[in-house]
Amino acid sequence: MTASPGLAIVVLRRRQTICIDVGMAWKSLVAGGVMAGVLFAVQMVAYSRILFPVYVVLGGIVYLILLRVLRAVRKHDMELIERYLGKRLGFLARFLSAILVAKELPN
């Protein structure tokens, strides 16, 4: 799974300058690792194939909370997603922005 994006970066780097947000990558890895740990612990306590949709929702909630806590998503990230989704799905981007983008504290 890491070879494909790595190869894409190598090929695209020849055509255009690519800047990777390393901080965001680490925050995403931390959030994913914690989410996996929480789901593993929950499944150790109560495992059932019937509960699979609950595990998916729980994993999504934990991941979104951690992205907010780690301040991984910025306002301009959500503006880019809103432009990409267009007017029809813009409400989804605004909803996610309200959840993920932490308000800046005054100095």
N, C-alpha and C. Protein backbone atom coordinates (compact mmCIF):
# COMPACT_ATOMS: atom_id res chain seq x y z
N MET A 1 0.81 -1.19 0.00
CA MET A 1 0.00 0.00 0.00
C MET A 1 0.86 1.27 0.00
N THR A 2 2.06 1.17 0.48
CA THR A 2 2.91 2.37 0.49
C THR A 2 3.68 2.51 -0.82
N ALA A 3 3.83 1.44 -1.56
CA ALA A 3 4.60 1.51 -2.80
C ALA A 3 3.88 2.35 -3.87
N SER A 4 2.59 2.20 -3.97
CA SER A 4 1.83 2.92 -5.00
C SER A 4 1.89 4.44 -4.81
N PRO A 5 1.58 4.98 -3.62
CA PRO A 5 1.71 6.42 -3.46
C PRO A 5 3.16 6.89 -3.60
N GLY A 6 4.10 6.07 -3.13
CA GLY A 6 5.50 6.44 -3.26
C GLY A 6 5.93 6.54 -4.71
N LEU A 7 5.50 5.60 -5.53
CA LEU A 7 5.82 5.63 -6.96
C LEU A 7 5.14 6.82 -7.63
N ALA A 8 3.90 7.10 -7.25
CA ALA A 8 3.19 8.25 -7.81
C ALA A 8 3.92 9.55 -7.48
N ILE A 9 4.43 9.68 -6.27
CA ILE A 9 5.17 10.88 -5.88
C ILE A 9 6.45 11.02 -6.69
N VAL A 10 7.15 9.91 -6.88
CA VAL A 10 8.39 9.95 -7.66
C VAL A 10 8.11 10.38 -9.09
N VAL A 11 7.08 9.83 -9.71
CA VAL A 11 6.76 10.17 -11.10
C VAL A 11 6.26 11.60 -11.20
N LEU A 12 5.37 12.01 -10.30
CA LEU A 12 4.82 13.37 -10.36
C LEU A 12 5.85 14.43 -10.01
N ARG A 13 6.82 14.09 -9.19
CA ARG A 13 7.84 15.05 -8.80
C ARG A 13 8.64 15.52 -10.02
N ARG A 14 8.74 14.68 -11.02
CA ARG A 14 9.46 15.06 -12.25
C ARG A 14 8.71 16.12 -13.04
N ARG A 15 7.39 16.13 -12.95
CA ARG A 15 6.57 17.06 -13.72
C ARG A 15 6.23 18.33 -12.96
N GLN A 16 6.06 18.22 -11.66
CA GLN A 16 5.63 19.37 -10.87
C GLN A 16 6.21 19.26 -9.47
N THR A 17 6.44 20.41 -8.85
CA THR A 17 6.95 20.44 -7.49
C THR A 17 5.86 19.94 -6.54
N ILE A 18 6.22 19.00 -5.70
CA ILE A 18 5.26 18.44 -4.76
C ILE A 18 5.73 18.75 -3.35
N CYS A 19 4.82 19.25 -2.54
CA CYS A 19 5.12 19.56 -1.15
C CYS A 19 4.22 18.69 -0.27
N ILE A 20 4.82 17.87 0.55
CA ILE A 20 4.06 16.97 1.42
C ILE A 20 4.02 17.57 2.82
N ASP A 21 2.84 17.65 3.38
CA ASP A 21 2.65 18.16 4.73
C ASP A 21 2.97 17.03 5.71
N VAL A 22 4.22 16.98 6.16
CA VAL A 22 4.68 15.89 7.02
C VAL A 22 3.96 15.91 8.37
N GLY A 23 3.71 17.11 8.89
CA GLY A 23 2.99 17.22 10.16
C GLY A 23 1.61 16.60 10.09
N MET A 24 0.91 16.87 8.99
CA MET A 24 -0.42 16.29 8.81
C MET A 24 -0.34 14.78 8.67
N ALA A 25 0.67 14.31 7.97
CA ALA A 25 0.83 12.86 7.80
C ALA A 25 1.03 12.18 9.16
N TRP A 26 1.86 12.78 10.02
CA TRP A 26 2.08 12.19 11.34
C TRP A 26 0.81 12.23 12.19
N LYS A 27 0.09 13.35 12.12
CA LYS A 27 -1.15 13.46 12.90
C LYS A 27 -2.17 12.44 12.42
N SER A 28 -2.24 12.23 11.13
CA SER A 28 -3.16 11.23 10.59
C SER A 28 -2.76 9.82 11.01
N LEU A 29 -1.46 9.54 11.02
CA LEU A 29 -0.99 8.23 11.47
C LEU A 29 -1.29 8.01 12.96
N VAL A 30 -1.09 9.04 13.76
CA VAL A 30 -1.39 8.93 15.20
C VAL A 30 -2.88 8.69 15.40
N ALA A 31 -3.71 9.47 14.70
CA ALA A 31 -5.16 9.31 14.84
C ALA A 31 -5.59 7.92 14.38
N GLY A 32 -5.02 7.42 13.30
CA GLY A 32 -5.35 6.08 12.82
C GLY A 32 -4.90 5.00 13.78
N GLY A 33 -3.72 5.18 14.37
CA GLY A 33 -3.22 4.20 15.33
C GLY A 33 -4.07 4.14 16.59
N VAL A 34 -4.44 5.31 17.10
CA VAL A 34 -5.29 5.34 18.29
C VAL A 34 -6.66 4.74 17.97
N MET A 35 -7.21 5.07 16.79
CA MET A 35 -8.49 4.50 16.38
C MET A 35 -8.41 2.97 16.32
N ALA A 36 -7.33 2.45 15.75
CA ALA A 36 -7.16 1.00 15.67
C ALA A 36 -7.06 0.39 17.06
N GLY A 37 -6.35 1.06 17.96
CA GLY A 37 -6.24 0.56 19.33
C GLY A 37 -7.58 0.52 20.05
N VAL A 38 -8.37 1.58 19.88
CA VAL A 38 -9.69 1.63 20.50
C VAL A 38 -10.58 0.53 19.94
N LEU A 39 -10.58 0.36 18.63
CA LEU A 39 -11.41 -0.69 18.03
C LEU A 39 -10.95 -2.08 18.45
N PHE A 40 -9.66 -2.28 18.55
CA PHE A 40 -9.14 -3.57 19.01
C PHE A 40 -9.62 -3.86 20.43
N ALA A 41 -9.53 -2.85 21.31
CA ALA A 41 -9.96 -3.02 22.69
C ALA A 41 -11.46 -3.30 22.77
N VAL A 42 -12.25 -2.58 21.98
CA VAL A 42 -13.70 -2.80 22.00
C VAL A 42 -14.03 -4.20 21.50
N GLN A 43 -13.35 -4.65 20.46
CA GLN A 43 -13.63 -5.98 19.93
C GLN A 43 -13.16 -7.08 20.87
N MET A 44 -12.16 -6.81 21.68
CA MET A 44 -11.74 -7.79 22.68
C MET A 44 -12.81 -7.96 23.77
N VAL A 45 -13.51 -6.88 24.05
CA VAL A 45 -14.55 -6.93 25.09
C VAL A 45 -15.83 -7.52 24.53
N ALA A 46 -16.26 -7.07 23.36
CA ALA A 46 -17.55 -7.51 22.80
C ALA A 46 -17.41 -7.67 21.30
N TYR A 47 -17.06 -8.88 20.87
CA TYR A 47 -16.92 -9.12 19.43
C TYR A 47 -18.15 -9.83 18.90
N SER A 48 -18.65 -9.34 17.79
CA SER A 48 -19.75 -9.98 17.08
C SER A 48 -19.75 -9.46 15.66
N ARG A 49 -19.99 -10.35 14.71
CA ARG A 49 -20.09 -9.92 13.32
C ARG A 49 -21.27 -8.98 13.11
N ILE A 50 -22.27 -9.14 13.92
CA ILE A 50 -23.46 -8.30 13.82
C ILE A 50 -23.13 -6.86 14.18
N LEU A 51 -22.13 -6.66 15.03
CA LEU A 51 -21.76 -5.32 15.48
C LEU A 51 -20.81 -4.60 14.53
N PHE A 52 -20.52 -5.18 13.37
CA PHE A 52 -19.58 -4.56 12.43
C PHE A 52 -19.95 -3.11 12.09
N PRO A 53 -21.21 -2.80 11.77
CA PRO A 53 -21.55 -1.39 11.49
C PRO A 53 -21.27 -0.47 12.69
N VAL A 54 -21.46 -0.98 13.90
CA VAL A 54 -21.17 -0.18 15.10
C VAL A 54 -19.67 0.09 15.18
N TYR A 55 -18.85 -0.91 14.86
CA TYR A 55 -17.40 -0.73 14.87
C TYR A 55 -16.97 0.33 13.85
N VAL A 56 -17.59 0.31 12.67
CA VAL A 56 -17.25 1.27 11.62
C VAL A 56 -17.59 2.69 12.08
N VAL A 57 -18.78 2.87 12.63
CA VAL A 57 -19.20 4.19 13.11
C VAL A 57 -18.31 4.64 14.26
N LEU A 58 -18.03 3.75 15.20
CA LEU A 58 -17.17 4.09 16.33
C LEU A 58 -15.78 4.49 15.86
N GLY A 59 -15.23 3.75 14.91
CA GLY A 59 -13.92 4.08 14.37
C GLY A 59 -13.91 5.45 13.71
N GLY A 60 -14.95 5.75 12.94
CA GLY A 60 -15.05 7.06 12.31
C GLY A 60 -15.14 8.19 13.32
N ILE A 61 -15.93 7.99 14.36
CA ILE A 61 -16.08 9.01 15.39
C ILE A 61 -14.76 9.25 16.12
N VAL A 62 -14.07 8.18 16.49
CA VAL A 62 -12.79 8.30 17.19
C VAL A 62 -11.78 9.02 16.30
N TYR A 63 -11.73 8.66 15.02
CA TYR A 63 -10.78 9.28 14.09
C TYR A 63 -11.06 10.77 13.94
N LEU A 64 -12.34 11.14 13.76
CA LEU A 64 -12.69 12.56 13.61
C LEU A 64 -12.37 13.35 14.87
N ILE A 65 -12.65 12.78 16.03
CA ILE A 65 -12.34 13.46 17.29
C ILE A 65 -10.84 13.69 17.41
N LEU A 66 -10.05 12.69 17.06
CA LEU A 66 -8.60 12.85 17.16
C LEU A 66 -8.05 13.85 16.15
N LEU A 67 -8.63 13.90 14.96
CA LEU A 67 -8.20 14.92 14.01
C LEU A 67 -8.47 16.31 14.56
N ARG A 68 -9.59 16.47 15.26
CA ARG A 68 -9.92 17.77 15.86
C ARG A 68 -8.96 18.08 17.00
N VAL A 69 -8.73 17.11 17.89
CA VAL A 69 -7.85 17.31 19.04
C VAL A 69 -6.43 17.62 18.60
N LEU A 70 -5.96 16.94 17.59
CA LEU A 70 -4.59 17.15 17.09
C LEU A 70 -4.48 18.37 16.18
N ARG A 71 -5.60 19.02 15.90
CA ARG A 71 -5.65 20.19 15.01
C ARG A 71 -5.02 19.87 13.66
N ALA A 72 -5.42 18.74 13.11
CA ALA A 72 -4.84 18.28 11.86
C ALA A 72 -5.47 18.95 10.65
N VAL A 73 -6.72 19.37 10.75
CA VAL A 73 -7.43 19.95 9.60
C VAL A 73 -7.51 21.46 9.80
N ARG A 74 -7.13 22.18 8.75
CA ARG A 74 -7.17 23.65 8.80
C ARG A 74 -8.31 24.16 7.94
N LYS A 75 -8.62 25.43 8.12
CA LYS A 75 -9.74 26.02 7.41
C LYS A 75 -9.54 25.96 5.89
N HIS A 76 -8.32 26.22 5.43
CA HIS A 76 -8.11 26.19 3.97
C HIS A 76 -8.22 24.78 3.40
N ASP A 77 -7.97 23.76 4.21
CA ASP A 77 -8.19 22.38 3.76
C ASP A 77 -9.67 22.14 3.46
N MET A 78 -10.52 22.61 4.36
CA MET A 78 -11.95 22.42 4.18
C MET A 78 -12.50 23.28 3.04
N GLU A 79 -11.91 24.46 2.83
CA GLU A 79 -12.33 25.30 1.69
C GLU A 79 -12.01 24.60 0.38
N LEU A 80 -10.86 23.93 0.31
CA LEU A 80 -10.50 23.18 -0.87
C LEU A 80 -11.49 22.03 -1.11
N ILE A 81 -11.85 21.33 -0.05
CA ILE A 81 -12.81 20.22 -0.17
C ILE A 81 -14.18 20.76 -0.60
N GLU A 82 -14.58 21.90 -0.06
CA GLU A 82 -15.87 22.49 -0.43
C GLU A 82 -15.89 22.87 -1.91
N ARG A 83 -14.80 23.44 -2.41
CA ARG A 83 -14.73 23.76 -3.84
C ARG A 83 -14.76 22.50 -4.69
N TYR A 84 -14.12 21.46 -4.23
CA TYR A 84 -14.09 20.20 -4.97
C TYR A 84 -15.48 19.56 -5.02
N LEU A 85 -16.21 19.58 -3.89
CA LEU A 85 -17.52 18.95 -3.83
C LEU A 85 -18.58 19.74 -4.59
N GLY A 86 -18.39 21.03 -4.74
CA GLY A 86 -19.35 21.83 -5.49
C GLY A 86 -20.52 22.28 -4.64
N LYS A 87 -21.49 22.89 -5.31
CA LYS A 87 -22.63 23.46 -4.59
C LYS A 87 -23.57 22.40 -4.04
N ARG A 88 -23.73 21.31 -4.75
CA ARG A 88 -24.69 20.28 -4.31
C ARG A 88 -24.26 19.60 -3.02
N LEU A 89 -22.97 19.34 -2.87
CA LEU A 89 -22.47 18.65 -1.68
C LEU A 89 -21.70 19.58 -0.76
N GLY A 90 -21.79 20.87 -0.99
CA GLY A 90 -21.09 21.83 -0.16
C GLY A 90 -21.51 21.77 1.30
N PHE A 91 -22.77 21.41 1.54
CA PHE A 91 -23.26 21.29 2.92
C PHE A 91 -22.47 20.25 3.69
N LEU A 92 -22.03 19.19 3.03
CA LEU A 92 -21.26 18.15 3.69
C LEU A 92 -19.90 18.69 4.14
N ALA A 93 -19.27 19.47 3.28
CA ALA A 93 -17.98 20.07 3.63
C ALA A 93 -18.15 21.06 4.77
N ARG A 94 -19.22 21.84 4.76
CA ARG A 94 -19.46 22.80 5.85
C ARG A 94 -19.73 22.07 7.17
N PHE A 95 -20.44 20.96 7.10
CA PHE A 95 -20.71 20.16 8.30
C PHE A 95 -19.41 19.60 8.87
N LEU A 96 -18.59 19.02 8.01
CA LEU A 96 -17.30 18.48 8.46
C LEU A 96 -16.39 19.59 8.97
N SER A 97 -16.45 20.75 8.35
CA SER A 97 -15.65 21.88 8.80
C SER A 97 -16.04 22.29 10.22
N ALA A 98 -17.32 22.29 10.51
CA ALA A 98 -17.79 22.65 11.85
C ALA A 98 -17.27 21.65 12.89
N ILE A 99 -17.11 20.41 12.48
CA ILE A 99 -16.64 19.37 13.41
C ILE A 99 -15.12 19.37 13.54
N LEU A 100 -14.42 19.50 12.42
CA LEU A 100 -12.98 19.26 12.40
C LEU A 100 -12.11 20.48 12.63
N VAL A 101 -12.53 21.64 12.20
CA VAL A 101 -11.66 22.81 12.27
C VAL A 101 -11.83 23.47 13.64
N ALA A 102 -10.74 23.45 14.39
CA ALA A 102 -10.74 24.06 15.72
C ALA A 102 -10.65 25.58 15.57
N LYS A 103 -11.39 26.28 16.39
CA LYS A 103 -11.37 27.75 16.34
C LYS A 103 -10.04 28.24 16.90
N GLU A 104 -9.54 29.31 16.27
CA GLU A 104 -8.29 29.91 16.74
C GLU A 104 -8.54 30.70 18.02
N LEU A 105 -7.69 30.53 18.99
CA LEU A 105 -7.82 31.26 20.23
C LEU A 105 -7.13 32.62 20.11
N PRO A 106 -7.77 33.69 20.63
CA PRO A 106 -7.12 34.99 20.55
C PRO A 106 -5.89 35.04 21.43
N ASN A 107 -4.89 35.78 21.00
CA ASN A 107 -3.63 35.89 21.77
C ASN A 107 -3.72 36.90 22.85
